[in-house]
Amino acid sequence: MDSSSFTRSVKWVLVVLVVVQLGCFVNVESSSNLGDKVERLPGQPQVEFQQYAGYVTVDHKKHKALFYYFVEAEVDPASKPLVLWLNGGPGCSSLGVGAFSENGPFRPKGNVLVKNEYSWNKGKLEANMLYLETPVGVGFSYSIDTTGYDAVSDAVTARDNLIFLQRWFDKFPQYKTRDLFITGESYAGHYIPQLAKLIVQFNKKKKLFNLKGIALGNPVLEFATDFNSRAEYFWSHGLISDSTYKIFTSACNYSQYVSEYYRGSVSPVCSKVMSQVGRETSKFVDKYDVTLDVCISSVLSQSKIISPQEQTGESIDVCVEDETVNYLNRQDVRKALHARLVNVRQWEVCSNILDYKLLDVEIPTITVVGSLITHGIPVLVYSGDQDSVIPLTGSRTLLHRLAKELKLNTTVPYRVWFAGQQVGGWTEVYGNILSFATVRGASHEVPFSQPERSLVLFKSFLETTPLPDML
């Protein structure tokens, strides 16, 4: 072989290597989902439904790809609606929190998976569940260009989520005509209304999304109201004294503190007040479930970003043996899920590489919820009543005010609802389109702490029927 032929051969080999290496990272979109089918997860029990996992590229220039996990309904998936689930943070995983800790089909236990008897894809009335790790930088979602993690905002997240759905439908065209519901919790109180707003706008140009409703669990809807309702919640549940409650509501409220914190300049007054609140509430009480007396799993840390801990010196108590983190960091699990680690060393519940524009938390989304209602999109807001992070009192206040502004009459007066023979919580409905419900004994992550009651709530939401009343 002469030198020129050898040189051409070497160049060809290098080109092939580059293409192969890029192929490991850049997801090439296809109308087929066959490559995303999950044959079996390690340690998984026998199931009758199909499951898929993989990537959808939302920005080809920066090679931004969002990771999803999709489980079809257990019975007759072809007739069931599609439900998109989003967790909050901002920056926490819908795979690890939603799918593997709350309402997905499995829960990790040691080296195996056990069935979740209250999974939202089970039975005759449930749904096809789509869990999305968003924004980019969360979980297995990635950007080859690391600037993709910089200054991510609500607007960027909403746009990426819309593109994701469009391109996901290219993989699963049979779901384009299905009823679509979007559900989630915490900071998804921003993600979901903003995505739904873009969907409504998109449908005006080209009808693609058959959006039938949104459900928001313990959501951040209006920063000041949601955060400042904590003072009354702490006091009414005996977590702080009368004197601390007084200064908490006068000298420095919680939204004032968080606003100062994000801007990098906390006043001495706020620091003193929050230190006092922290001492009295104690670091040994789970703020996401004030009745819980066990260790706080990392799946309950999804609000740690919108709820800074530095004011009290407390930190999120992550259990040493975290089943979900251990499971999703196994190489055989990642292989089964068609997942990869890019720019991170391991899968985390909440992203430590994402630079989110945290001041977006101050922009109310309750007005967006109002605009969705005026476009005929039903809205359910539900609250675990043991959550002091985004208490039910704030959500109830906001919805009552919104109903008044929209001139929606009360169609279901405030009453109890039932799950089995027990009270599941309380509910009120305005104009048969805006609903509020509490879930008794539930934490910030309602399906995690009250799976049976949350399933009853979910069925009612999908069927647009009143919550069960024994009378």
Protein backbone atom coordinates (compact mmCIF):
# COMPACT_ATOMS: atom_id res chain seq x y z
CA MET A 1 0.00 0.00 0.00
CA ASP A 2 1.49 3.39 -0.99
CA SER A 3 1.61 6.33 1.46
CA SER A 4 -1.35 8.15 -0.10
CA SER A 5 -3.55 5.04 0.13
CA PHE A 6 -2.47 4.51 3.73
CA THR A 7 -3.30 8.15 4.54
CA ARG A 8 -6.78 7.82 2.96
CA SER A 9 -7.38 4.62 4.93
CA VAL A 10 -6.39 6.28 8.21
CA LYS A 11 -8.65 9.26 7.51
CA TRP A 12 -11.55 6.91 6.72
CA VAL A 13 -11.04 5.01 9.98
CA LEU A 14 -10.96 8.30 11.93
CA VAL A 15 -14.18 9.48 10.27
CA VAL A 16 -15.89 6.20 11.15
CA LEU A 17 -14.69 6.48 14.77
CA VAL A 18 -16.01 10.05 15.06
CA VAL A 19 -19.38 9.04 13.63
CA VAL A 20 -19.59 6.07 16.02
CA GLN A 21 -18.66 8.26 18.99
CA LEU A 22 -21.21 10.91 18.06
CA GLY A 23 -23.79 8.19 17.64
CA CYS A 24 -23.31 7.35 21.31
CA PHE A 25 -24.55 10.81 22.25
CA VAL A 26 -26.68 12.36 19.55
CA ASN A 27 -30.10 10.81 19.37
CA VAL A 28 -31.27 10.40 15.79
CA GLU A 29 -35.04 10.80 15.70
CA SER A 30 -37.06 8.08 14.08
CA SER A 31 -40.73 7.53 13.49
CA SER A 32 -40.23 4.10 15.03
CA ASN A 33 -40.19 3.39 18.77
CA LEU A 34 -38.86 -0.15 18.41
CA GLY A 35 -35.40 0.82 19.62
CA ASP A 36 -36.92 2.31 22.78
CA LYS A 37 -38.83 -0.75 23.89
CA VAL A 38 -37.76 -2.01 27.31
CA GLU A 39 -37.79 -5.77 27.18
CA ARG A 40 -37.35 -6.21 30.92
CA LEU A 41 -35.89 -4.18 33.76
CA PRO A 42 -33.42 -5.95 36.08
CA GLY A 43 -35.26 -7.58 38.97
CA GLN A 44 -38.64 -6.80 37.44
CA PRO A 45 -41.67 -9.00 38.19
CA GLN A 46 -43.75 -10.37 35.34
CA VAL A 47 -46.15 -7.78 33.88
CA GLU A 48 -48.65 -7.66 31.03
CA PHE A 49 -48.04 -4.11 29.79
CA GLN A 50 -45.39 -2.71 27.45
CA GLN A 51 -42.79 -0.16 28.56
CA TYR A 52 -40.44 2.12 26.64
CA ALA A 53 -37.57 4.45 27.49
CA GLY A 54 -35.20 6.63 25.54
CA TYR A 55 -34.43 10.09 24.24
CA VAL A 56 -36.05 12.83 22.21
CA THR A 57 -33.76 15.56 20.89
CA VAL A 58 -35.25 19.02 21.48
CA ASP A 59 -32.32 21.13 20.25
CA HIS A 60 -30.12 19.71 17.49
CA LYS A 61 -27.69 22.63 17.62
CA LYS A 62 -26.74 22.03 21.26
CA HIS A 63 -27.60 18.33 21.09
CA LYS A 64 -30.12 18.67 23.92
CA ALA A 65 -32.01 15.46 24.54
CA LEU A 66 -34.73 14.78 27.10
CA PHE A 67 -35.11 11.32 28.61
CA TYR A 68 -38.52 9.70 29.01
CA TYR A 69 -39.97 6.54 30.54
CA PHE A 70 -43.32 5.38 29.21
CA VAL A 71 -45.56 2.61 30.53
CA GLU A 72 -48.69 1.63 28.70
CA ALA A 73 -51.93 0.95 30.51
CA GLU A 74 -52.19 -2.55 31.90
CA VAL A 75 -55.57 -3.21 30.28
CA ASP A 76 -56.55 -2.16 26.75
CA PRO A 77 -53.99 0.67 26.30
CA ALA A 78 -55.42 1.52 22.87
CA SER A 79 -58.53 2.97 24.51
CA LYS A 80 -56.84 4.77 27.39
CA PRO A 81 -55.75 8.42 27.64
CA LEU A 82 -52.16 9.61 27.70
CA VAL A 83 -50.94 11.25 30.92
CA LEU A 84 -47.72 13.26 31.06
CA TRP A 85 -46.23 13.44 34.57
CA LEU A 86 -43.78 16.16 35.62
CA ASN A 87 -41.98 16.57 38.94
CA GLY A 88 -40.72 19.87 40.26
CA GLY A 89 -37.59 21.27 41.88
CA PRO A 90 -36.91 23.00 39.57
CA GLY A 91 -34.52 20.29 38.49
CA CYS A 92 -35.83 17.05 40.02
CA SER A 93 -36.53 13.79 38.25
CA SER A 94 -39.91 12.51 37.15
CA LEU A 95 -38.30 9.12 36.61
CA GLY A 96 -36.87 8.68 40.10
CA VAL A 97 -39.58 10.55 42.01
CA GLY A 98 -42.75 10.10 39.97
CA ALA A 99 -42.22 6.73 38.28
CA PHE A 100 -40.16 4.81 40.84
CA SER A 101 -41.36 6.42 44.09
CA GLU A 102 -44.92 7.62 43.53
CA ASN A 103 -47.34 6.37 40.88
CA GLY A 104 -45.32 4.19 38.50
CA PRO A 105 -45.69 0.40 38.18
CA PHE A 106 -42.60 -0.51 40.24
CA ARG A 107 -40.80 0.37 43.45
CA PRO A 108 -37.13 -0.58 43.94
CA LYS A 109 -36.50 -2.85 46.91
CA GLY A 110 -32.96 -4.04 47.33
CA ASN A 111 -31.81 -5.63 44.07
CA VAL A 112 -35.30 -6.16 42.69
CA LEU A 113 -38.44 -4.27 41.74
CA VAL A 114 -41.78 -4.88 43.42
CA LYS A 115 -45.18 -4.07 41.98
CA ASN A 116 -46.90 -0.87 43.03
CA GLU A 117 -50.48 -1.97 43.63
CA TYR A 118 -51.66 1.62 43.20
CA SER A 119 -49.85 2.39 39.98
CA TRP A 120 -51.66 4.84 37.73
CA ASN A 121 -51.38 2.50 34.73
CA LYS A 122 -53.26 -0.34 36.47
CA GLY A 123 -56.79 -1.60 36.11
CA LYS A 124 -59.62 -0.87 33.71
CA LEU A 125 -59.88 2.87 34.25
CA GLU A 126 -56.31 4.10 34.37
CA ALA A 127 -53.89 5.55 31.82
CA ASN A 128 -50.81 5.31 29.66
CA MET A 129 -48.18 7.09 31.78
CA LEU A 130 -45.36 9.18 30.30
CA TYR A 131 -42.64 10.39 32.71
CA LEU A 132 -40.32 13.11 31.43
CA GLU A 133 -36.98 14.13 32.97
CA THR A 134 -37.04 17.87 32.36
CA PRO A 135 -35.43 20.37 32.00
CA VAL A 136 -32.23 19.25 30.29
CA GLY A 137 -29.61 18.33 32.90
CA VAL A 138 -32.12 16.48 35.07
CA GLY A 139 -31.50 12.77 35.55
CA PHE A 140 -30.50 11.16 32.26
CA SER A 141 -31.47 14.19 30.13
CA TYR A 142 -28.42 15.95 28.74
CA SER A 143 -26.84 18.57 26.52
CA ILE A 144 -23.56 17.85 24.73
CA ASP A 145 -22.98 21.62 24.69
CA THR A 146 -22.80 22.36 28.42
CA THR A 147 -24.08 25.90 27.85
CA GLY A 148 -27.42 24.15 27.49
CA TYR A 149 -27.49 23.93 31.30
CA ASP A 150 -26.92 27.67 31.78
CA ALA A 151 -29.67 30.11 32.71
CA VAL A 152 -32.47 27.65 32.02
CA SER A 153 -35.78 29.40 32.57
CA ASP A 154 -39.48 28.60 32.72
CA ALA A 155 -39.80 29.80 29.12
CA VAL A 156 -36.98 27.53 27.90
CA THR A 157 -38.40 24.57 29.82
CA ALA A 158 -41.91 25.09 28.41
CA ARG A 159 -40.57 25.36 24.86
CA ASP A 160 -38.42 22.22 25.22
CA ASN A 161 -41.32 20.28 26.71
CA LEU A 162 -43.58 21.28 23.81
CA ILE A 163 -40.96 20.20 21.27
CA PHE A 164 -40.53 16.96 23.20
CA LEU A 165 -44.23 16.16 22.95
CA GLN A 166 -44.34 16.96 19.24
CA ARG A 167 -41.39 14.68 18.49
CA TRP A 168 -42.51 12.00 20.93
CA PHE A 169 -45.73 11.75 18.90
CA ASP A 170 -43.54 11.03 15.86
CA LYS A 171 -42.28 7.96 17.73
CA PHE A 172 -45.75 7.03 18.97
CA PRO A 173 -48.19 8.34 16.31
CA GLN A 174 -51.00 6.16 17.67
CA TYR A 175 -51.22 8.50 20.67
CA LYS A 176 -51.73 11.71 18.72
CA THR A 177 -55.50 11.48 18.89
CA ARG A 178 -55.70 10.32 22.51
CA ASP A 179 -57.06 12.46 25.30
CA LEU A 180 -54.03 14.16 26.86
CA PHE A 181 -53.80 15.04 30.55
CA ILE A 182 -50.81 16.73 32.17
CA THR A 183 -50.16 16.13 35.85
CA GLY A 184 -47.40 16.74 38.36
CA GLU A 185 -46.47 18.49 41.57
CA SER A 186 -44.51 21.20 43.35
CA TYR A 187 -42.63 23.44 40.88
CA ALA A 188 -44.60 21.71 38.14
CA GLY A 189 -47.11 24.37 39.17
CA HIS A 190 -44.95 26.45 36.81
CA TYR A 191 -44.02 23.77 34.26
CA ILE A 192 -47.52 22.48 33.58
CA PRO A 193 -49.60 25.67 33.11
CA GLN A 194 -46.89 27.17 30.90
CA LEU A 195 -46.68 24.04 28.76
CA ALA A 196 -50.48 23.88 28.54
CA LYS A 197 -50.56 27.53 27.45
CA LEU A 198 -48.14 26.77 24.59
CA ILE A 199 -50.27 23.77 23.62
CA VAL A 200 -53.39 25.94 23.43
CA GLN A 201 -51.51 28.47 21.29
CA PHE A 202 -50.08 25.74 19.05
CA ASN A 203 -53.50 24.18 18.52
CA LYS A 204 -54.81 27.47 17.13
CA LYS A 205 -52.43 27.07 14.20
CA LYS A 206 -52.51 23.29 13.88
CA LYS A 207 -54.58 20.96 16.05
CA LEU A 208 -52.15 18.35 17.36
CA PHE A 209 -52.76 18.04 21.09
CA ASN A 210 -56.05 16.77 22.47
CA LEU A 211 -55.55 18.42 25.86
CA LYS A 212 -58.37 17.50 28.24
CA GLY A 213 -57.14 18.77 31.61
CA ILE A 214 -54.30 19.47 33.99
CA ALA A 215 -53.83 18.40 37.62
CA LEU A 216 -51.40 20.16 39.97
CA GLY A 217 -50.31 18.68 43.30
CA ASN A 218 -49.14 21.00 46.10
CA PRO A 219 -48.14 23.45 43.35
CA VAL A 220 -46.26 26.74 43.39
CA LEU A 221 -48.82 29.04 41.73
CA GLU A 222 -48.20 32.41 43.34
CA PHE A 223 -44.95 32.78 45.20
CA ALA A 224 -46.04 35.22 47.90
CA THR A 225 -49.33 33.52 48.78
CA ASP A 226 -47.96 29.98 48.68
CA PHE A 227 -44.82 30.68 50.68
CA ASN A 228 -46.34 33.02 53.24
CA SER A 229 -49.09 30.53 54.07
CA ARG A 230 -46.38 28.52 55.82
CA ALA A 231 -46.49 30.80 58.86
CA GLU A 232 -50.13 30.02 59.61
CA TYR A 233 -49.56 26.35 58.85
CA PHE A 234 -46.58 26.11 61.24
CA TRP A 235 -48.49 27.91 63.99
CA SER A 236 -51.78 25.98 63.54
CA HIS A 237 -49.90 22.67 63.70
CA GLY A 238 -47.99 23.63 66.83
CA LEU A 239 -44.58 23.89 65.14
CA ILE A 240 -43.91 27.50 66.23
CA SER A 241 -44.88 29.66 69.21
CA ASP A 242 -47.36 32.54 69.30
CA SER A 243 -44.56 35.09 69.58
CA THR A 244 -42.62 33.62 66.63
CA TYR A 245 -45.79 33.53 64.55
CA LYS A 246 -46.26 37.22 65.20
CA ILE A 247 -42.78 38.22 64.04
CA PHE A 248 -42.95 35.69 61.19
CA THR A 249 -45.97 37.52 59.78
CA SER A 250 -44.77 41.05 60.45
CA ALA A 251 -40.98 41.51 60.58
CA CYS A 252 -40.04 39.14 57.75
CA ASN A 253 -42.33 36.77 55.91
CA TYR A 254 -41.09 33.76 54.00
CA SER A 255 -41.41 35.17 50.49
CA GLN A 256 -39.39 38.21 51.55
CA TYR A 257 -36.63 35.99 52.87
CA VAL A 258 -36.49 33.77 49.77
CA SER A 259 -36.48 36.80 47.48
CA GLU A 260 -33.56 38.29 49.42
CA TYR A 261 -31.80 34.93 49.41
CA TYR A 262 -31.99 34.54 45.63
CA ARG A 263 -30.68 38.08 45.19
CA GLY A 264 -27.72 37.30 47.44
CA SER A 265 -28.45 39.76 50.23
CA VAL A 266 -30.43 38.52 53.24
CA SER A 267 -31.19 41.25 55.77
CA PRO A 268 -30.19 40.73 59.43
CA VAL A 269 -33.86 40.94 60.40
CA CYS A 270 -34.86 38.11 58.06
CA SER A 271 -31.88 36.00 59.13
CA LYS A 272 -32.87 36.36 62.79
CA VAL A 273 -36.53 35.56 62.15
CA MET A 274 -35.79 32.48 60.03
CA SER A 275 -33.25 31.20 62.54
CA GLN A 276 -35.91 31.40 65.22
CA VAL A 277 -38.45 29.62 63.00
CA GLY A 278 -35.85 26.94 62.26
CA ARG A 279 -35.03 26.33 65.91
CA GLU A 280 -38.68 25.91 66.87
CA THR A 281 -39.80 23.76 63.93
CA SER A 282 -36.63 21.66 64.43
CA LYS A 283 -34.52 19.90 61.85
CA PHE A 284 -35.99 16.60 63.05
CA VAL A 285 -39.39 17.28 61.48
CA ASP A 286 -39.94 16.60 57.81
CA LYS A 287 -41.35 19.85 56.42
CA TYR A 288 -42.84 17.91 53.51
CA ASP A 289 -44.79 15.70 55.91
CA VAL A 290 -45.05 17.15 59.41
CA THR A 291 -46.39 13.88 60.85
CA LEU A 292 -43.64 11.65 59.46
CA ASP A 293 -41.34 10.13 62.08
CA VAL A 294 -38.98 8.20 59.80
CA CYS A 295 -35.95 9.26 57.79
CA ILE A 296 -36.58 11.56 54.87
CA SER A 297 -35.92 9.85 51.58
CA SER A 298 -34.23 11.86 48.87
CA VAL A 299 -37.39 11.48 46.81
CA LEU A 300 -38.86 14.08 49.12
CA SER A 301 -36.20 16.70 48.35
CA GLN A 302 -37.69 18.02 45.15
CA SER A 303 -38.59 21.37 46.70
CA LYS A 304 -35.20 22.04 48.24
CA ILE A 305 -34.32 24.54 45.52
CA ILE A 306 -37.44 26.68 45.88
CA SER A 307 -37.15 26.35 49.66
CA PRO A 308 -33.60 27.31 50.69
CA GLN A 309 -32.40 25.54 53.83
CA GLU A 310 -29.49 27.80 54.75
CA GLN A 311 -31.58 30.05 56.96
CA THR A 312 -31.84 27.40 59.67
CA GLY A 313 -28.67 25.44 59.17
CA GLU A 314 -30.79 22.40 58.40
CA SER A 315 -30.18 20.14 55.45
CA ILE A 316 -32.25 17.57 53.64
CA ASP A 317 -31.82 14.27 55.46
CA VAL A 318 -31.18 11.76 52.71
CA CYS A 319 -31.47 8.15 53.82
CA VAL A 320 -28.22 6.27 53.41
CA GLU A 321 -29.93 3.35 51.67
CA ASP A 322 -31.85 5.12 48.99
CA GLU A 323 -33.38 2.40 46.88
CA THR A 324 -34.18 4.52 43.86
CA VAL A 325 -30.76 6.16 43.57
CA ASN A 326 -29.00 2.84 43.97
CA TYR A 327 -31.19 1.15 41.40
CA LEU A 328 -30.97 3.81 38.70
CA ASN A 329 -27.18 3.99 39.04
CA ARG A 330 -26.75 0.33 38.18
CA GLN A 331 -25.15 -0.18 34.79
CA ASP A 332 -27.51 -3.01 33.87
CA VAL A 333 -30.51 -0.80 34.69
CA ARG A 334 -29.20 2.05 32.55
CA LYS A 335 -28.63 -0.39 29.69
CA ALA A 336 -32.17 -1.74 29.97
CA LEU A 337 -33.54 1.82 29.96
CA HIS A 338 -31.37 2.85 26.98
CA ALA A 339 -30.05 5.62 29.26
CA ARG A 340 -26.60 7.15 29.49
CA LEU A 341 -24.70 9.52 31.74
CA VAL A 342 -23.45 12.65 29.97
CA ASN A 343 -21.53 15.39 31.83
CA VAL A 344 -22.37 13.74 35.16
CA ARG A 345 -20.84 10.84 37.08
CA GLN A 346 -24.09 9.39 38.37
CA TRP A 347 -27.85 9.74 38.23
CA GLU A 348 -29.19 12.15 40.89
CA VAL A 349 -32.70 12.78 42.17
CA CYS A 350 -32.20 16.52 41.66
CA SER A 351 -29.73 18.03 39.22
CA ASN A 352 -26.49 19.58 40.47
CA ILE A 353 -25.40 20.84 37.03
CA LEU A 354 -28.52 22.77 36.11
CA ASP A 355 -28.34 26.57 36.44
CA TYR A 356 -32.01 27.43 36.74
CA LYS A 357 -33.27 31.01 36.69
CA LEU A 358 -34.65 30.77 40.21
CA LEU A 359 -36.20 34.24 40.23
CA ASP A 360 -38.80 32.78 37.86
CA VAL A 361 -40.41 31.40 41.01
CA GLU A 362 -41.66 34.93 41.72
CA ILE A 363 -43.66 35.07 38.49
CA PRO A 364 -47.23 33.93 39.25
CA THR A 365 -48.70 31.12 37.17
CA ILE A 366 -52.17 31.33 38.72
CA THR A 367 -53.00 33.85 35.97
CA VAL A 368 -51.96 31.26 33.37
CA VAL A 369 -54.26 28.76 35.06
CA GLY A 370 -57.05 31.31 34.71
CA SER A 371 -56.40 31.72 30.99
CA LEU A 372 -56.52 27.94 30.52
CA ILE A 373 -59.92 27.80 32.22
CA THR A 374 -61.23 30.52 29.90
CA HIS A 375 -60.14 28.28 27.01
CA GLY A 376 -62.18 25.42 28.45
CA ILE A 377 -59.33 23.38 29.97
CA PRO A 378 -60.42 21.74 33.28
CA VAL A 379 -58.02 22.26 36.19
CA LEU A 380 -57.61 20.25 39.39
CA VAL A 381 -55.42 21.49 42.22
CA TYR A 382 -54.89 19.01 45.04
CA SER A 383 -52.96 19.28 48.30
CA GLY A 384 -51.53 16.78 50.71
CA ASP A 385 -52.67 18.23 54.02
CA GLN A 386 -49.46 17.34 55.91
CA ASP A 387 -47.23 19.44 53.65
CA SER A 388 -45.90 22.67 55.16
CA VAL A 389 -43.72 23.54 52.13
CA ILE A 390 -46.61 24.46 49.83
CA PRO A 391 -49.54 24.30 52.27
CA LEU A 392 -53.12 23.67 51.28
CA THR A 393 -54.15 27.00 52.80
CA GLY A 394 -52.30 28.98 50.15
CA SER A 395 -53.68 26.90 47.27
CA ARG A 396 -57.23 27.14 48.61
CA THR A 397 -56.94 30.92 48.94
CA LEU A 398 -55.64 31.28 45.39
CA LEU A 399 -58.35 29.13 43.83
CA HIS A 400 -61.15 30.87 45.71
CA ARG A 401 -59.82 34.22 44.49
CA LEU A 402 -59.45 32.95 40.91
CA ALA A 403 -63.01 31.57 40.89
CA LYS A 404 -64.28 34.95 42.03
CA GLU A 405 -62.30 36.78 39.32
CA LEU A 406 -63.60 34.41 36.64
CA LYS A 407 -67.13 34.63 38.04
CA LEU A 408 -67.34 30.88 38.53
CA ASN A 409 -70.12 29.79 40.84
CA THR A 410 -69.57 27.04 43.40
CA THR A 411 -70.97 23.87 41.84
CA VAL A 412 -69.80 21.46 44.57
CA PRO A 413 -69.84 23.07 48.04
CA TYR A 414 -66.95 22.26 50.35
CA ARG A 415 -67.42 18.67 51.51
CA VAL A 416 -65.61 15.45 52.40
CA TRP A 417 -64.79 12.83 49.80
CA PHE A 418 -64.14 9.15 50.41
CA ALA A 419 -61.64 6.48 49.47
CA GLY A 420 -63.21 3.21 50.48
CA GLN A 421 -64.86 3.62 53.88
CA GLN A 422 -62.51 6.38 55.02
CA VAL A 423 -62.47 10.12 54.41
CA GLY A 424 -60.00 10.73 51.59
CA GLY A 425 -60.00 14.50 52.04
CA TRP A 426 -62.11 17.56 51.28
CA THR A 427 -63.12 19.10 47.98
CA GLU A 428 -64.77 22.11 46.39
CA VAL A 429 -65.58 22.73 42.72
CA TYR A 430 -66.18 25.98 40.84
CA GLY A 431 -68.10 26.12 37.57
CA ASN A 432 -67.53 22.38 36.99
CA ILE A 433 -64.12 23.30 35.54
CA LEU A 434 -61.93 24.39 38.49
CA SER A 435 -61.56 21.86 41.31
CA PHE A 436 -59.76 21.85 44.63
CA ALA A 437 -59.15 18.77 46.76
CA THR A 438 -57.15 17.92 49.84
CA VAL A 439 -55.79 14.45 50.44
CA ARG A 440 -55.99 13.48 54.09
CA GLY A 441 -52.74 12.33 55.65
CA ALA A 442 -50.73 13.03 52.49
CA SER A 443 -47.36 14.72 52.22
CA HIS A 444 -45.93 17.01 49.56
CA GLU A 445 -45.71 13.93 47.30
CA VAL A 446 -49.30 12.73 47.52
CA PRO A 447 -49.03 9.43 45.58
CA PHE A 448 -45.96 8.49 47.64
CA SER A 449 -47.62 8.92 51.03
CA GLN A 450 -51.27 8.12 50.22
CA PRO A 451 -51.20 5.89 47.14
CA GLU A 452 -54.75 4.50 47.44
CA ARG A 453 -56.37 7.89 48.03
CA SER A 454 -54.37 9.50 45.24
CA LEU A 455 -55.54 6.76 42.85
CA VAL A 456 -59.18 7.52 43.70
CA LEU A 457 -58.47 11.20 43.05
CA PHE A 458 -56.75 10.38 39.75
CA LYS A 459 -59.67 8.24 38.51
CA SER A 460 -62.10 11.04 39.25
CA PHE A 461 -59.86 13.49 37.39
CA LEU A 462 -59.62 11.31 34.27
CA GLU A 463 -63.34 10.56 34.21
CA THR A 464 -64.31 14.17 35.03
CA THR A 465 -66.66 12.82 37.68
CA PRO A 466 -67.23 14.07 41.25
CA LEU A 467 -65.07 12.60 43.98
CA PRO A 468 -66.89 9.79 45.83
CA ASP A 469 -69.46 10.85 48.41
CA MET A 470 -70.85 8.10 50.66
CA LEU A 471 -74.09 9.97 51.28
